[in-house]
Amino acid sequence: MKIDFKELLPVILGVIKDWRVIVIVVTMILVIAFTKFIVNYEKKPKRPKLKKKPAAAPAPKQEAAEGGKAAAAAEAPAE
């Protein structure tokens, strides 16, 4: 018994158009895509936390407001 292509074509189209075959093919494509995603997934490297710089020491206050008397007295030799 030899099947001619003209007789085989309606059977092939009937199988391909069946809703169960379509659902299974779509499900398998989704499963394969999800599996490929999981296999190739790489976590991003953790960024090191930026440490806050310690607060800069306050600038020394100049004693120019006193007219320079205290600065001059400190520079003069003690007798």
N, C-alpha and C. Protein backbone atom coordinates (compact mmCIF):
# COMPACT_ATOMS: atom_id res chain seq x y z
N MET A 1 0.85 -1.18 0.00
CA MET A 1 0.00 0.00 0.00
C MET A 1 0.89 1.23 0.00
N LYS A 2 0.75 2.01 -1.00
CA LYS A 2 1.54 3.21 -1.18
C LYS A 2 0.62 4.42 -1.05
N ILE A 3 1.05 5.41 -0.18
CA ILE A 3 0.23 6.60 0.02
C ILE A 3 0.76 7.70 -0.89
N ASP A 4 -0.12 8.27 -1.63
CA ASP A 4 0.23 9.36 -2.53
C ASP A 4 0.25 10.67 -1.72
N PHE A 5 1.03 11.64 -2.18
CA PHE A 5 1.13 12.93 -1.48
C PHE A 5 -0.22 13.63 -1.42
N LYS A 6 -1.04 13.46 -2.45
CA LYS A 6 -2.36 14.10 -2.48
C LYS A 6 -3.25 13.54 -1.38
N GLU A 7 -3.06 12.30 -1.01
CA GLU A 7 -3.84 11.71 0.07
C GLU A 7 -3.24 12.06 1.44
N LEU A 8 -1.94 12.28 1.47
CA LEU A 8 -1.25 12.56 2.73
C LEU A 8 -1.39 14.02 3.17
N LEU A 9 -1.53 14.94 2.22
CA LEU A 9 -1.60 16.37 2.53
C LEU A 9 -2.76 16.72 3.46
N PRO A 10 -3.98 16.24 3.27
CA PRO A 10 -5.07 16.57 4.20
C PRO A 10 -4.81 16.05 5.62
N VAL A 11 -4.15 14.91 5.73
CA VAL A 11 -3.83 14.37 7.06
C VAL A 11 -2.81 15.27 7.77
N ILE A 12 -1.78 15.68 7.04
CA ILE A 12 -0.74 16.56 7.63
C ILE A 12 -1.36 17.88 8.06
N LEU A 13 -2.19 18.48 7.21
CA LEU A 13 -2.83 19.75 7.56
C LEU A 13 -3.78 19.58 8.74
N GLY A 14 -4.45 18.46 8.81
CA GLY A 14 -5.36 18.20 9.93
C GLY A 14 -4.60 18.10 11.25
N VAL A 15 -3.43 17.49 11.23
CA VAL A 15 -2.62 17.37 12.44
C VAL A 15 -2.06 18.73 12.84
N ILE A 16 -1.55 19.48 11.88
CA ILE A 16 -0.95 20.79 12.19
C ILE A 16 -2.00 21.78 12.70
N LYS A 17 -3.22 21.72 12.19
CA LYS A 17 -4.26 22.66 12.60
C LYS A 17 -4.98 22.27 13.87
N ASP A 18 -4.70 21.09 14.41
CA ASP A 18 -5.36 20.64 15.64
C ASP A 18 -4.94 21.53 16.80
N TRP A 19 -5.90 21.93 17.63
CA TRP A 19 -5.61 22.88 18.72
C TRP A 19 -4.66 22.28 19.75
N ARG A 20 -4.69 20.99 19.96
CA ARG A 20 -3.80 20.35 20.95
C ARG A 20 -2.35 20.43 20.50
N VAL A 21 -2.12 20.26 19.21
CA VAL A 21 -0.76 20.35 18.67
C VAL A 21 -0.25 21.78 18.78
N ILE A 22 -1.11 22.74 18.48
CA ILE A 22 -0.71 24.15 18.55
C ILE A 22 -0.37 24.54 19.98
N VAL A 23 -1.18 24.11 20.95
CA VAL A 23 -0.93 24.43 22.37
C VAL A 23 0.38 23.80 22.83
N ILE A 24 0.62 22.56 22.46
CA ILE A 24 1.85 21.89 22.88
C ILE A 24 3.08 22.55 22.27
N VAL A 25 3.01 22.92 21.00
CA VAL A 25 4.16 23.57 20.35
C VAL A 25 4.45 24.92 20.99
N VAL A 26 3.42 25.72 21.24
CA VAL A 26 3.62 27.03 21.87
C VAL A 26 4.19 26.85 23.29
N THR A 27 3.66 25.89 24.03
CA THR A 27 4.17 25.63 25.39
C THR A 27 5.63 25.21 25.36
N MET A 28 5.99 24.35 24.44
CA MET A 28 7.37 23.89 24.35
C MET A 28 8.31 25.04 23.97
N ILE A 29 7.88 25.93 23.10
CA ILE A 29 8.70 27.08 22.73
C ILE A 29 8.94 27.96 23.96
N LEU A 30 7.88 28.19 24.75
CA LEU A 30 8.03 29.00 25.96
C LEU A 30 8.94 28.33 26.99
N VAL A 31 8.81 27.02 27.16
CA VAL A 31 9.65 26.30 28.12
C VAL A 31 11.11 26.34 27.69
N ILE A 32 11.37 26.14 26.42
CA ILE A 32 12.75 26.17 25.92
C ILE A 32 13.34 27.57 26.06
N ALA A 33 12.56 28.61 25.76
CA ALA A 33 13.05 29.99 25.89
C ALA A 33 13.35 30.31 27.35
N PHE A 34 12.48 29.89 28.26
CA PHE A 34 12.68 30.16 29.69
C PHE A 34 13.90 29.40 30.21
N THR A 35 14.07 28.16 29.77
CA THR A 35 15.23 27.37 30.18
C THR A 35 16.52 28.00 29.67
N LYS A 36 16.51 28.47 28.45
CA LYS A 36 17.70 29.13 27.89
C LYS A 36 18.01 30.41 28.68
N PHE A 37 16.99 31.14 29.08
CA PHE A 37 17.19 32.35 29.88
C PHE A 37 17.84 32.02 31.21
N ILE A 38 17.37 30.96 31.86
CA ILE A 38 17.92 30.58 33.16
C ILE A 38 19.36 30.11 33.03
N VAL A 39 19.66 29.33 32.00
CA VAL A 39 21.02 28.81 31.81
C VAL A 39 21.99 29.96 31.54
N ASN A 40 21.58 30.95 30.79
CA ASN A 40 22.48 32.05 30.41
C ASN A 40 22.43 33.22 31.37
N TYR A 41 21.63 33.14 32.43
CA TYR A 41 21.47 34.27 33.35
C TYR A 41 22.74 34.48 34.15
N GLU A 42 23.19 35.71 34.23
CA GLU A 42 24.34 36.08 35.05
C GLU A 42 23.93 37.27 35.91
N LYS A 43 24.20 37.13 37.20
CA LYS A 43 23.88 38.24 38.09
C LYS A 43 24.86 39.37 37.83
N LYS A 44 24.38 40.58 37.99
CA LYS A 44 25.25 41.73 37.87
C LYS A 44 26.18 41.75 39.08
N PRO A 45 27.43 42.10 38.88
CA PRO A 45 28.33 42.15 40.04
C PRO A 45 27.89 43.23 41.02
N LYS A 46 28.07 42.92 42.29
CA LYS A 46 27.67 43.88 43.31
C LYS A 46 28.59 45.08 43.27
N ARG A 47 27.98 46.23 43.36
CA ARG A 47 28.78 47.45 43.40
C ARG A 47 29.26 47.67 44.82
N PRO A 48 30.52 48.04 44.99
CA PRO A 48 30.98 48.31 46.35
C PRO A 48 30.29 49.56 46.88
N LYS A 49 29.95 49.49 48.15
CA LYS A 49 29.27 50.63 48.75
C LYS A 49 30.26 51.78 48.89
N LEU A 50 29.81 52.94 48.53
CA LEU A 50 30.66 54.13 48.66
C LEU A 50 30.70 54.54 50.12
N LYS A 51 31.91 54.61 50.64
CA LYS A 51 32.05 55.05 52.03
C LYS A 51 32.04 56.56 52.06
N LYS A 52 31.31 57.08 53.01
CA LYS A 52 31.25 58.53 53.13
C LYS A 52 32.58 59.03 53.68
N LYS A 53 33.05 60.10 53.10
CA LYS A 53 34.29 60.69 53.59
C LYS A 53 34.03 61.31 54.95
N PRO A 54 35.00 61.20 55.85
CA PRO A 54 34.80 61.85 57.15
C PRO A 54 34.69 63.36 56.97
N ALA A 55 33.94 63.97 57.85
CA ALA A 55 33.73 65.41 57.74
C ALA A 55 35.07 66.11 57.89
N ALA A 56 35.32 67.07 57.03
CA ALA A 56 36.57 67.81 57.07
C ALA A 56 36.61 68.65 58.34
N ALA A 57 37.82 68.73 58.91
CA ALA A 57 37.99 69.53 60.13
C ALA A 57 37.67 70.98 59.80
N PRO A 58 36.99 71.66 60.71
CA PRO A 58 36.67 73.06 60.43
C PRO A 58 37.96 73.87 60.30
N ALA A 59 37.91 74.81 59.40
CA ALA A 59 39.09 75.66 59.15
C ALA A 59 39.39 76.47 60.41
N PRO A 60 40.68 76.63 60.75
CA PRO A 60 41.01 77.42 61.95
C PRO A 60 40.57 78.87 61.78
N LYS A 61 40.03 79.41 62.82
CA LYS A 61 39.54 80.78 62.76
C LYS A 61 40.73 81.74 62.86
N GLN A 62 40.68 82.71 62.02
CA GLN A 62 41.75 83.71 62.06
C GLN A 62 41.41 84.74 63.13
N GLU A 63 42.44 85.20 63.78
CA GLU A 63 42.24 86.15 64.87
C GLU A 63 42.37 87.59 64.38
N ALA A 64 42.10 87.80 63.12
CA ALA A 64 42.19 89.13 62.55
C ALA A 64 41.09 90.03 63.11
N ALA A 65 40.05 89.46 63.62
CA ALA A 65 38.95 90.25 64.15
C ALA A 65 39.38 91.01 65.41
N GLU A 66 40.38 90.50 66.11
CA GLU A 66 40.84 91.18 67.33
C GLU A 66 41.86 92.27 67.03
N GLY A 67 42.15 92.44 65.78
CA GLY A 67 43.08 93.49 65.42
C GLY A 67 44.52 93.00 65.39
N GLY A 68 44.73 91.74 65.58
CA GLY A 68 46.07 91.20 65.48
C GLY A 68 46.88 91.34 66.76
N LYS A 69 46.28 91.82 67.84
CA LYS A 69 47.02 92.02 69.09
C LYS A 69 47.41 90.66 69.69
N ALA A 70 46.50 89.71 69.63
CA ALA A 70 46.82 88.41 70.24
C ALA A 70 47.88 87.70 69.43
N ALA A 71 47.85 87.84 68.11
CA ALA A 71 48.84 87.18 67.27
C ALA A 71 50.21 87.83 67.48
N ALA A 72 50.23 89.12 67.63
CA ALA A 72 51.49 89.82 67.85
C ALA A 72 52.04 89.48 69.21
N ALA A 73 51.20 89.33 70.21
CA ALA A 73 51.65 88.99 71.54
C ALA A 73 52.20 87.58 71.59
N ALA A 74 51.62 86.68 70.81
CA ALA A 74 52.09 85.29 70.80
C ALA A 74 53.43 85.19 70.11
N GLU A 75 53.72 86.05 69.15
CA GLU A 75 54.99 85.99 68.43
C GLU A 75 56.10 86.69 69.20
N ALA A 76 55.78 87.58 70.08
CA ALA A 76 56.81 88.31 70.83
C ALA A 76 57.48 87.38 71.83
N PRO A 77 58.78 87.50 71.98
CA PRO A 77 59.49 86.65 72.94
C PRO A 77 59.07 86.99 74.36
N ALA A 78 58.91 85.96 75.14
CA ALA A 78 58.51 86.17 76.53
C ALA A 78 59.73 86.55 77.34
N GLU A 79 59.63 87.60 78.15
CA GLU A 79 60.76 88.05 78.97
C GLU A 79 60.46 87.95 80.40
